[in-house]
Protein backbone atom coordinates (compact mmCIF):
# COMPACT_ATOMS: atom_id res chain seq x y z
CA UNK A 1 3.99 3.35 17.36
CA UNK A 2 5.85 3.09 14.24
CA UNK A 3 4.71 2.31 11.07
CA UNK A 4 7.14 0.04 9.35
CA UNK A 5 6.95 0.85 5.75
CA UNK A 6 8.68 -1.94 3.35
CA UNK A 7 9.24 0.78 0.62
CA UNK A 8 11.93 -0.92 -1.01
CA UNK A 9 10.98 -4.25 -0.51
CA UNK A 10 7.55 -6.73 -1.28
CA UNK A 11 6.33 -8.74 1.16
CA UNK A 12 7.56 -12.18 -0.25
CA UNK A 13 8.08 -13.38 3.57
CA UNK A 14 9.70 -16.32 4.38
CA UNK A 15 8.53 -18.86 7.70
CA UNK A 16 9.91 -17.50 10.66
CA UNK A 17 13.86 -17.68 10.91
CA UNK A 18 14.42 -19.06 7.04
CA UNK A 19 18.12 -19.21 6.28
CA UNK A 20 18.49 -18.70 2.69
CA UNK A 21 21.52 -20.71 0.78
CA UNK A 22 22.66 -22.49 4.25
CA UNK A 23 19.83 -24.85 4.97
CA UNK A 24 16.75 -26.17 3.20
CA UNK A 25 12.97 -25.08 3.81
CA UNK A 26 11.83 -26.39 7.03
CA UNK A 27 10.02 -30.13 6.84
CA UNK A 28 8.24 -29.56 10.52
CA UNK A 29 7.29 -26.92 12.22
CA UNK A 30 9.93 -24.55 14.46
CA UNK A 31 10.57 -21.64 16.41
CA UNK A 32 7.84 -22.61 19.41
CA UNK A 33 7.06 -25.07 21.73
CA UNK A 34 5.83 -28.66 19.38
CA UNK A 35 3.31 -29.41 21.78
CA UNK A 36 1.30 -26.39 20.94
CA UNK A 37 2.42 -25.56 17.40
CA UNK A 38 0.33 -27.42 14.62
CA UNK A 39 1.12 -28.01 10.66
CA UNK A 40 -1.26 -25.97 8.85
CA UNK A 41 -0.03 -26.43 5.21
CA UNK A 42 2.49 -28.62 3.67
CA UNK A 43 3.86 -27.32 0.69
CA UNK A 44 6.41 -29.92 -1.07
CA UNK A 45 7.04 -31.76 2.07
CA UNK A 46 8.18 -28.30 3.50
CA UNK A 47 6.13 -27.05 6.62
CA UNK A 48 4.01 -24.36 7.15
CA UNK A 49 2.76 -23.88 11.01
CA UNK A 50 0.70 -22.32 13.03
CA UNK A 51 3.72 -20.20 14.68
CA UNK A 52 4.64 -18.90 11.27
CA UNK A 53 1.01 -18.12 10.28
CA UNK A 54 0.51 -15.99 12.99
CA UNK A 55 3.93 -14.22 13.46
CA UNK A 56 3.23 -13.61 9.61
CA UNK A 57 -0.24 -12.56 10.26
CA UNK A 58 0.58 -10.17 13.33
CA UNK A 59 3.31 -8.84 11.71
CA UNK A 60 1.23 -7.53 8.69
CA UNK A 61 -1.26 -6.05 11.50
CA UNK A 62 2.02 -4.25 12.96
CA UNK A 63 3.22 -3.04 9.65
CA UNK A 64 -0.60 -1.57 9.07
CA UNK A 65 -1.11 0.19 12.51
CA UNK A 66 -3.66 -2.49 13.49
CA UNK A 67 -3.71 -3.84 16.72
CA UNK A 68 -2.92 -7.88 16.60
CA UNK A 69 -6.00 -8.87 18.21
CA UNK A 70 -7.29 -12.53 18.18
CA UNK A 71 -10.39 -11.88 16.14
CA UNK A 72 -7.89 -9.68 13.66
CA UNK A 73 -5.76 -12.61 13.40
CA UNK A 74 -8.36 -15.10 12.91
CA UNK A 75 -10.04 -13.02 9.87
CA UNK A 76 -6.41 -12.54 8.51
CA UNK A 77 -5.02 -15.73 8.38
CA UNK A 78 -6.86 -17.47 5.30
CA UNK A 79 -5.82 -14.82 2.97
CA UNK A 80 -1.72 -14.41 4.56
CA UNK A 81 -1.82 -18.36 4.14
CA UNK A 82 -2.01 -18.32 0.22
CA UNK A 83 0.65 -15.54 0.23
CA UNK A 84 2.76 -17.67 2.60
CA UNK A 85 2.35 -20.70 -0.05
CA UNK A 86 3.87 -18.45 -2.50
CA UNK A 87 6.45 -17.71 -0.45
CA UNK A 88 7.53 -21.27 0.20
CA UNK A 89 7.56 -21.87 -3.43
CA UNK A 90 9.93 -19.06 -4.06
CA UNK A 91 12.19 -20.19 -0.89
CA UNK A 92 12.42 -23.79 -2.41
CA UNK A 93 13.62 -22.42 -5.91
CA UNK A 94 15.76 -20.18 -4.57
CA UNK A 95 17.53 -22.39 -2.35
CA UNK A 96 17.39 -25.08 -5.48
CA UNK A 97 19.49 -22.98 -7.23
CA UNK A 98 21.56 -21.70 -4.53
CA UNK A 99 21.02 -18.67 -4.24
CA UNK A 100 22.84 -16.85 -0.80
CA UNK A 101 21.62 -14.26 1.00
CA UNK A 102 23.90 -13.03 3.74
CA UNK A 103 22.93 -11.71 7.11
CA UNK A 104 24.92 -8.21 6.27
CA UNK A 105 22.52 -7.80 3.43
CA UNK A 106 19.67 -8.98 5.47
CA UNK A 107 21.10 -6.31 8.58
CA UNK A 108 21.31 -3.61 5.66
CA UNK A 109 17.58 -4.37 4.92
CA UNK A 110 16.65 -3.86 8.49
CA UNK A 111 18.69 -0.19 8.62
CA UNK A 112 16.95 0.65 5.76
CA UNK A 113 13.20 0.07 7.25
CA UNK A 114 14.71 1.94 10.16
CA UNK A 115 16.07 5.11 8.18
CA UNK A 116 12.73 5.36 6.59
CA UNK A 117 10.66 5.73 9.80
CA UNK A 118 13.25 8.03 11.46
CA UNK A 119 14.13 5.10 13.75
CA UNK A 120 16.87 3.08 15.02
CA UNK A 121 17.37 -0.77 14.11
CA UNK A 122 16.64 -1.45 18.08
CA UNK A 123 13.55 0.64 18.39
CA UNK A 124 11.82 -1.21 15.20
CA UNK A 125 12.83 -5.09 17.15
CA UNK A 126 11.70 -3.75 20.31
CA UNK A 127 8.31 -2.22 18.95
CA UNK A 128 8.02 -6.09 17.08
CA UNK A 129 8.32 -7.88 20.36
CA UNK A 130 6.09 -5.62 22.38
CA UNK A 131 3.19 -7.10 20.05
CA UNK A 132 4.62 -10.28 20.22
CA UNK A 133 6.55 -10.54 16.74
CA UNK A 134 9.88 -12.58 16.88
CA UNK A 135 12.81 -10.28 15.09
CA UNK A 136 13.13 -13.50 13.28
CA UNK A 137 10.09 -13.07 11.51
CA UNK A 138 11.19 -9.55 9.74
CA UNK A 139 14.63 -10.88 8.93
CA UNK A 140 12.86 -14.28 7.63
CA UNK A 141 10.85 -12.19 5.61
CA UNK A 142 13.57 -9.94 4.27
CA UNK A 143 15.97 -12.93 3.75
CA UNK A 144 13.01 -14.69 1.30
CA UNK A 145 12.84 -11.52 -0.33
CA UNK A 146 16.16 -10.31 -1.22
CA UNK A 147 16.57 -14.37 -2.16
CA UNK A 148 13.87 -14.08 -4.60
CA UNK A 149 15.29 -10.80 -6.16
CA UNK A 150 18.64 -12.30 -6.82
CA UNK A 151 16.79 -15.39 -8.43
CA UNK A 152 14.76 -13.37 -11.11
CA UNK A 153 17.55 -11.47 -11.98
CA UNK A 154 19.95 -14.18 -12.43
CA UNK A 155 17.33 -16.05 -14.00
CA UNK A 156 15.47 -13.71 -16.54
CA UNK A 157 17.60 -10.89 -16.90
CA UNK A 158 19.70 -11.82 -19.48
CA UNK A 159 16.35 -13.01 -21.56
CA UNK A 160 15.01 -9.33 -21.31
CA UNK A 161 16.53 -7.17 -24.11
CA UNK A 162 14.90 -3.83 -24.22
CA UNK A 163 15.55 -2.52 -28.14
CA UNK A 164 16.03 1.02 -29.45
CA UNK A 165 13.13 0.64 -31.52
CA UNK A 166 10.84 -0.04 -28.61
CA UNK A 167 11.87 2.64 -26.15
CA UNK A 168 11.85 5.03 -29.66
CA UNK A 169 8.20 3.63 -29.69
CA UNK A 170 6.91 4.21 -26.19
CA UNK A 171 8.65 7.73 -26.40
CA UNK A 172 6.49 8.40 -29.64
CA UNK A 173 3.42 7.26 -28.40
CA UNK A 174 4.02 9.43 -24.98
CA UNK A 175 4.56 12.53 -27.37
CA UNK A 176 1.57 11.67 -29.26
CA UNK A 177 -0.77 10.97 -26.18
CA UNK A 178 0.70 14.40 -24.29
CA UNK A 179 -2.68 16.01 -24.80
CA UNK A 180 -4.66 13.22 -22.61
CA UNK A 181 -4.49 13.18 -18.78
CA UNK A 182 -1.95 11.44 -17.06
CA UNK A 183 -2.47 9.03 -13.74
CA UNK A 184 -0.18 8.03 -10.98
CA UNK A 185 -1.79 4.70 -9.89
CA UNK A 186 -1.32 1.76 -7.58
CA UNK A 187 -3.11 -1.16 -7.77
CA UNK A 188 -4.37 -4.71 -5.97
CA UNK A 189 -5.28 -7.32 -8.28
CA UNK A 190 -6.30 -10.66 -7.56
CA UNK A 191 -6.65 -13.09 -10.48
CA UNK A 192 -9.65 -15.49 -11.43
CA UNK A 193 -8.36 -18.45 -13.36
CA UNK A 194 -11.92 -20.06 -13.92
CA UNK A 195 -15.33 -18.92 -13.80
CA UNK A 196 -15.77 -20.79 -10.81
CA UNK A 197 -13.44 -19.25 -8.40
CA UNK A 198 -15.09 -15.26 -9.24
CA UNK A 199 -17.14 -15.80 -5.86
CA UNK A 200 -14.42 -16.59 -3.78
CA UNK A 201 -12.18 -14.06 -4.97
CA UNK A 202 -14.52 -11.44 -4.83
CA UNK A 203 -15.14 -12.47 -0.93
CA UNK A 204 -11.25 -12.08 -0.92
CA UNK A 205 -11.36 -8.72 -2.52
CA UNK A 206 -14.19 -7.36 -0.07
CA UNK A 207 -11.94 -8.56 2.85
CA UNK A 208 -9.23 -6.51 1.68
CA UNK A 209 -11.58 -3.38 1.38
CA UNK A 210 -12.97 -4.02 4.77
CA UNK A 211 -8.89 -3.71 6.10
CA UNK A 212 -8.56 -0.90 3.86
CA UNK A 213 -11.76 1.19 5.68
CA UNK A 214 -10.22 0.09 9.64
CA UNK A 215 -7.44 2.01 8.22
CA UNK A 216 -4.99 -0.72 6.73
CA UNK A 217 -2.20 0.87 4.44
CA UNK A 218 -2.99 0.33 0.64
CA UNK A 219 0.92 -0.45 -0.09
CA UNK A 220 1.07 -2.49 2.75
CA UNK A 221 -2.34 -4.83 1.50
CA UNK A 222 -0.64 -4.36 -2.33
CA UNK A 223 2.53 -5.91 -0.79
CA UNK A 224 1.17 -8.88 0.95
CA UNK A 225 -2.13 -9.89 -1.14
CA UNK A 226 -1.90 -8.62 -4.93
CA UNK A 227 -1.22 -11.17 -7.62
CA UNK A 228 0.34 -8.48 -10.04
CA UNK A 229 4.22 -7.93 -10.37
CA UNK A 230 3.16 -4.44 -8.90
CA UNK A 231 3.15 -6.07 -5.18
CA UNK A 232 6.80 -5.77 -5.08
CA UNK A 233 6.32 -2.21 -5.26
CA UNK A 234 3.23 -1.66 -2.93
CA UNK A 235 0.93 -1.68 -5.98
CA UNK A 236 2.84 1.02 -7.60
CA UNK A 237 2.32 0.84 -11.50
CA UNK A 238 3.35 4.20 -12.24
CA UNK A 239 1.92 7.06 -14.55
CA UNK A 240 -0.37 5.78 -16.80
CA UNK A 241 -1.81 7.83 -19.87
CA UNK A 242 -5.55 8.16 -20.38
CA UNK A 243 -6.84 5.07 -22.24
CA UNK A 244 -3.39 2.94 -21.46
CA UNK A 245 -5.32 0.61 -19.43
CA UNK A 246 -7.93 -1.76 -20.23
CA UNK A 247 -11.41 -0.10 -20.90
CA UNK A 248 -13.17 -1.01 -17.89
CA UNK A 249 -9.98 0.18 -15.62
CA UNK A 250 -9.83 3.04 -17.74
CA UNK A 251 -13.46 4.29 -17.68
CA UNK A 252 -12.99 4.05 -13.57
CA UNK A 253 -10.13 5.37 -13.53
CA UNK A 254 -11.12 8.93 -15.50
CA UNK A 255 -13.94 9.29 -12.95
CA UNK A 256 -11.83 9.24 -9.92
CA UNK A 257 -10.23 12.18 -7.75
CA UNK A 258 -6.56 12.10 -6.43
CA UNK A 259 -6.15 10.61 -2.99
CA UNK A 260 -9.43 8.00 -3.81
CA UNK A 261 -9.70 4.51 -4.45
CA UNK A 262 -12.13 2.51 -6.56
CA UNK A 263 -14.65 0.09 -5.73
CA UNK A 264 -13.94 -3.45 -7.21
CA UNK A 265 -13.27 -3.41 -11.21
CA UNK A 266 -13.59 -6.40 -13.15
CA UNK A 267 -11.43 -6.84 -16.32
CA UNK A 268 -9.41 -9.04 -17.93
CA UNK A 269 -7.95 -11.63 -15.71
CA UNK A 270 -9.34 -11.22 -12.47
CA UNK A 271 -10.50 -8.31 -10.12
CA UNK A 272 -8.69 -4.62 -9.36
CA UNK A 273 -8.58 -1.93 -6.81
CA UNK A 274 -6.95 1.05 -7.98
CA UNK A 275 -5.71 3.94 -5.97
CA UNK A 276 -5.12 7.27 -7.46
CA UNK A 277 -2.21 8.96 -6.28
CA UNK A 278 -2.26 12.17 -8.33
CA UNK A 279 -3.21 13.14 -11.87
CA UNK A 280 -1.13 15.56 -14.20
CA UNK A 281 -3.19 17.64 -17.06
CA UNK A 282 -2.31 17.54 -20.35
CA UNK A 283 1.09 19.32 -21.67
CA UNK A 284 0.49 22.95 -21.41
CA UNK A 285 -3.46 22.48 -20.37
CA UNK A 286 -4.57 24.02 -17.28
CA UNK A 287 -6.15 21.49 -14.52
CA UNK A 288 -9.91 21.23 -15.25
CA UNK A 289 -11.89 22.75 -12.24
CA UNK A 290 -14.10 19.82 -11.52
CA UNK A 291 -11.06 17.99 -10.73
CA UNK A 292 -10.23 19.99 -7.93
CA UNK A 293 -11.96 19.66 -4.59
CA UNK A 294 -13.32 22.77 -3.23
CA UNK A 295 -12.39 23.95 0.37
CA UNK A 296 -15.26 23.38 3.23
CA UNK A 297 -15.28 26.58 5.75
CA UNK A 298 -14.91 24.95 9.25
CA UNK A 299 -14.91 27.53 12.20
CA UNK A 300 -12.44 25.72 14.71
CA UNK A 301 -14.34 27.12 17.80
CA UNK A 302 -11.43 28.10 19.89
CA UNK A 303 -8.80 25.31 18.29
CA UNK A 304 -5.47 26.63 19.06
CA UNK A 305 -3.60 28.16 16.44
CA UNK A 306 -0.77 25.68 14.84
CA UNK A 307 2.35 27.36 13.85
CA UNK A 308 4.92 25.40 12.13
CA UNK A 309 8.50 25.79 13.69
CA UNK A 310 9.99 22.89 11.62
CA UNK A 311 9.38 21.31 8.31
CA UNK A 312 7.95 18.22 7.51
CA UNK A 313 10.80 15.03 6.60
CA UNK A 314 10.73 13.99 3.03
CA UNK A 315 7.82 11.08 3.37
CA UNK A 316 4.82 11.11 5.65
CA UNK A 317 2.19 8.55 6.71
CA UNK A 318 -1.17 9.63 5.45
CA UNK A 319 -4.70 8.70 6.34
CA UNK A 320 -7.74 9.97 4.38
CA UNK A 321 -11.05 10.57 5.91
CA UNK A 322 -14.20 10.65 3.71
CA UNK A 323 -17.82 11.53 4.29
CA UNK A 324 -19.52 10.50 1.11
CA UNK A 325 -22.00 12.93 -0.20
CA UNK A 326 -23.25 13.11 -3.77
CA UNK A 327 -23.29 16.02 -5.78
CA UNK A 328 -26.91 16.17 -6.19
CA UNK A 329 -27.42 16.28 -2.38
CA UNK A 330 -29.96 18.34 -0.97
CA UNK A 331 -29.19 21.25 1.53
CA UNK A 332 -29.97 19.23 4.43
CA UNK A 333 -27.74 16.34 3.64
CA UNK A 334 -24.78 19.15 2.83
CA UNK A 335 -25.45 20.39 6.31
CA UNK A 336 -25.50 16.89 8.05
CA UNK A 337 -22.09 16.07 6.42
CA UNK A 338 -20.64 19.41 6.79
CA UNK A 339 -21.56 19.13 10.82
CA UNK A 340 -19.78 15.47 10.79
CA UNK A 341 -16.82 17.37 9.11
CA UNK A 342 -16.71 19.90 11.60
CA UNK A 343 -16.97 16.99 14.69
CA UNK A 344 -14.08 15.38 13.15
CA UNK A 345 -11.63 18.49 12.51
CA UNK A 346 -12.47 19.07 16.40
CA UNK A 347 -11.92 15.74 17.35
CA UNK A 348 -8.75 14.16 15.47
CA UNK A 349 -5.88 13.59 17.39
CA UNK A 350 -4.00 10.74 16.13
CA UNK A 351 -4.19 7.76 14.04
CA UNK A 352 -5.11 4.07 14.85
CA UNK A 353 -7.71 3.36 16.85
CA UNK A 354 -8.40 6.79 18.27
CA UNK A 355 -8.72 7.98 14.92
CA UNK A 356 -11.58 4.69 14.13
CA UNK A 357 -12.91 4.99 17.43
CA UNK A 358 -13.61 8.99 16.64
CA UNK A 359 -14.69 8.01 12.79
CA UNK A 360 -17.05 5.34 14.76
CA UNK A 361 -18.52 8.11 16.64
CA UNK A 362 -18.96 10.34 14.47
CA UNK A 363 -20.76 7.73 11.66
CA UNK A 364 -21.01 7.59 8.13
CA UNK A 365 -17.25 8.33 8.27
CA UNK A 366 -14.70 6.49 5.90
CA UNK A 367 -11.02 5.77 6.86
CA UNK A 368 -8.51 4.77 4.42
CA UNK A 369 -4.68 4.23 4.99
CA UNK A 370 -3.36 5.79 2.15
CA UNK A 371 0.90 4.27 3.83
CA UNK A 372 4.07 6.29 3.50
CA UNK A 373 3.88 9.03 0.90
CA UNK A 374 6.91 11.00 -0.95
CA UNK A 375 6.05 14.70 -0.93
CA UNK A 376 8.39 15.34 -3.71
CA UNK A 377 5.52 12.80 -5.66
CA UNK A 378 2.63 15.35 -4.66
CA UNK A 379 1.30 18.06 -6.67
CA UNK A 380 2.67 21.42 -5.24
CA UNK A 381 -0.38 22.97 -3.81
CA UNK A 382 -1.11 19.84 -1.83
CA UNK A 383 2.33 18.87 -0.93
CA UNK A 384 2.27 22.69 0.76
CA UNK A 385 -1.37 21.58 2.66
CA UNK A 386 0.58 18.50 4.15
CA UNK A 387 3.89 20.62 4.71
CA UNK A 388 1.57 22.66 7.39
CA UNK A 389 -0.09 20.00 8.94
CA UNK A 390 1.66 18.91 12.07
CA UNK A 391 1.39 15.36 12.83
CA UNK A 392 -1.65 13.66 14.45
CA UNK A 393 -3.86 16.63 13.08
CA UNK A 394 -6.11 16.61 9.96
CA UNK A 395 -6.24 19.12 6.83
CA UNK A 396 -9.06 21.69 6.59
CA UNK A 397 -11.96 19.80 5.28
CA UNK A 398 -12.10 19.92 1.28
CA UNK A 399 -15.07 19.40 -0.76
CA UNK A 400 -14.73 16.69 -3.66
CA UNK A 401 -16.80 14.58 -6.01
CA UNK A 402 -17.23 11.91 -3.78
CA UNK A 403 -18.39 14.23 -0.79
CA UNK A 404 -15.79 15.85 2.16
CA UNK A 405 -12.59 14.90 2.56
CA UNK A 406 -9.84 15.56 4.81
CA UNK A 407 -6.19 14.57 5.30
CA UNK A 408 -4.57 13.09 8.95
CA UNK A 409 -0.81 13.14 8.86
CA UNK A 410 0.03 10.07 10.84
CA UNK A 411 3.88 10.17 10.75
CA UNK A 412 6.68 12.45 9.41
CA UNK A 413 4.53 15.55 10.00
CA UNK A 414 5.93 19.14 10.89
CA UNK A 415 6.71 19.87 14.40
CA UNK A 416 4.26 22.83 15.90
CA UNK A 417 3.56 25.60 18.46
CA UNK A 418 0.58 26.08 20.09
CA UNK A 419 -0.56 29.81 20.27
CA UNK A 420 -3.97 31.71 20.50
CA UNK A 421 -7.32 30.46 19.32
CA UNK A 422 -7.59 30.53 15.54
CA UNK A 423 -10.44 31.90 13.25
CA UNK A 424 -12.28 30.06 10.81
CA UNK A 425 -10.02 27.57 8.62
CA UNK A 426 -10.27 27.05 4.53
CA UNK A 427 -7.62 25.67 2.53
CA UNK A 428 -6.46 25.74 -1.16
CA UNK A 429 -7.75 22.36 -2.96
CA UNK A 430 -4.83 19.99 -4.08
CA UNK A 431 -4.47 20.77 -8.12
CA UNK A 432 -3.02 18.76 -10.52
CA UNK A 433 0.28 19.14 -12.30
CA UNK A 434 1.32 19.69 -16.30
CA UNK A 435 2.09 16.62 -17.71
CA UNK A 436 6.08 15.63 -17.75
CA UNK A 437 7.46 14.23 -20.80
CA UNK A 438 9.67 10.60 -19.40
CA UNK A 439 13.29 10.15 -20.60
CA UNK A 440 14.29 7.60 -22.52
CA UNK A 441 16.17 6.25 -19.61
CA UNK A 442 12.65 6.03 -17.52
CA UNK A 443 11.18 3.90 -20.42
CA UNK A 444 13.96 1.95 -20.66
CA UNK A 445 13.64 1.09 -17.00
CA UNK A 446 9.90 0.71 -17.04
CA UNK A 447 9.82 -1.72 -19.62
CA UNK A 448 12.67 -3.89 -18.26
CA UNK A 449 10.63 -3.83 -15.41
CA UNK A 450 7.71 -4.96 -16.52
CA UNK A 451 9.25 -7.75 -18.61
CA UNK A 452 11.03 -9.58 -15.83
CA UNK A 453 8.22 -9.05 -13.82
CA UNK A 454 6.02 -10.94 -16.00
CA UNK A 455 8.77 -13.42 -16.47
CA UNK A 456 8.49 -13.73 -12.75
CA UNK A 457 5.02 -14.08 -12.42
CA UNK A 458 4.97 -16.41 -15.22
CA UNK A 459 7.27 -18.72 -13.08
CA UNK A 460 5.55 -18.68 -9.64
CA UNK A 461 2.56 -19.56 -11.58
CA UNK A 462 4.20 -22.64 -12.91
CA UNK A 463 5.91 -23.61 -9.55
CA UNK A 464 1.87 -23.32 -8.15
CA UNK A 465 1.06 -25.89 -10.84
CA UNK A 466 4.00 -28.24 -10.71
CA UNK A 467 3.72 -28.34 -6.57
CA UNK A 468 2.27 -30.69 -4.17
CA UNK A 469 0.01 -28.78 -1.76
CA UNK A 470 -1.96 -29.80 1.34
CA UNK A 471 -4.06 -27.33 3.57
CA UNK A 472 -5.03 -28.33 6.74
CA UNK A 473 -7.33 -26.78 9.69
CA UNK A 474 -6.15 -23.32 10.37
CA UNK A 475 -8.09 -22.93 13.32
């Protein structure tokens, strides 16, 4: 099964088959038999139907590598409906300002997705249709995303002026912080507008965490549910310096290891999940020893030797397996964890449902899908480790501060040749890189993106405030 990574596009999706700039948002449910379709929400007289909602849920599940069962569809509906309401407001606003998105632009976006997944456009549509997702659902999602991008650029870009002094200030601050660690971070942010909302928001975030543990990619869920401007980039907030984020977030971030996801963090404005993708050390310094996961030897017990005969693509789909174990664990617990690692290492042969089933069988294993990752963005040693790992197979187990970890290549990995059984496996741990100074252009682009996204988020908040929204029974 393909894993569609909407890398360049946020999941600011539309109702099924929306046509931006040619017709207004729908005022009645469409796309299926009206006798079986009901209204789940009305947004300023525009309808979101059960068909629209279930199509979007199915699209989310398929793109995150999950089987769209009735139970999963029901579980995702409340979260996806909130997203669809925001998207309807964006659709209405773009239509109001006569934003035009042609079919050719949508086709190019679909082609880009196919290219990123090493597939043909027809293969993408066939895969979606085999899971009950109409091609209009994906096309409508992309059309609305493109329209919102055009609206935001046209409405706000002239208001954002980055002065040379601003760029100079950031560059000087970055140079001054060169002796501090740098973190490549992604986030999922859920806003808390009032204290009364916090229990519900925490519940929503726990559901997102549960989906991560079931294998949903962080990037897909960030695009779908995060309320930060970074949602458009799959939660990517780029490199940050130690101390740059709020104290609550910084405290958590400095204790994380590359490849890990934090517990919920309460900070100003709401709740956060942080994903640490990579860490860079201070300029001219060596990586700290405790930042390097320790290799765990695993006897393969007759596993065939894997010889790479063709290198991997520029991007790989990656899943992380974690057997939690405290650093202070006694010998019995360490041995039990190592036995689980052996069972996983010998048994992993693919991602998705088989991986979930194996993790459940072994017990006490966390599965986190990391989405599609560019190899060039990884630390050299970790990149080399993944380059030698074929599709569907795990890296040798690594000991980290969180326990024992393995990384499974779900797509884009090396082609292999099977030869004689191998001996014990041991891999060098992923290492951190030296600090790299951003250019003035990098800083200017980052400042522009931050400011225009902040204006877009505020505008969407105002649209929510002024809208008439009626939510009906979703079941």
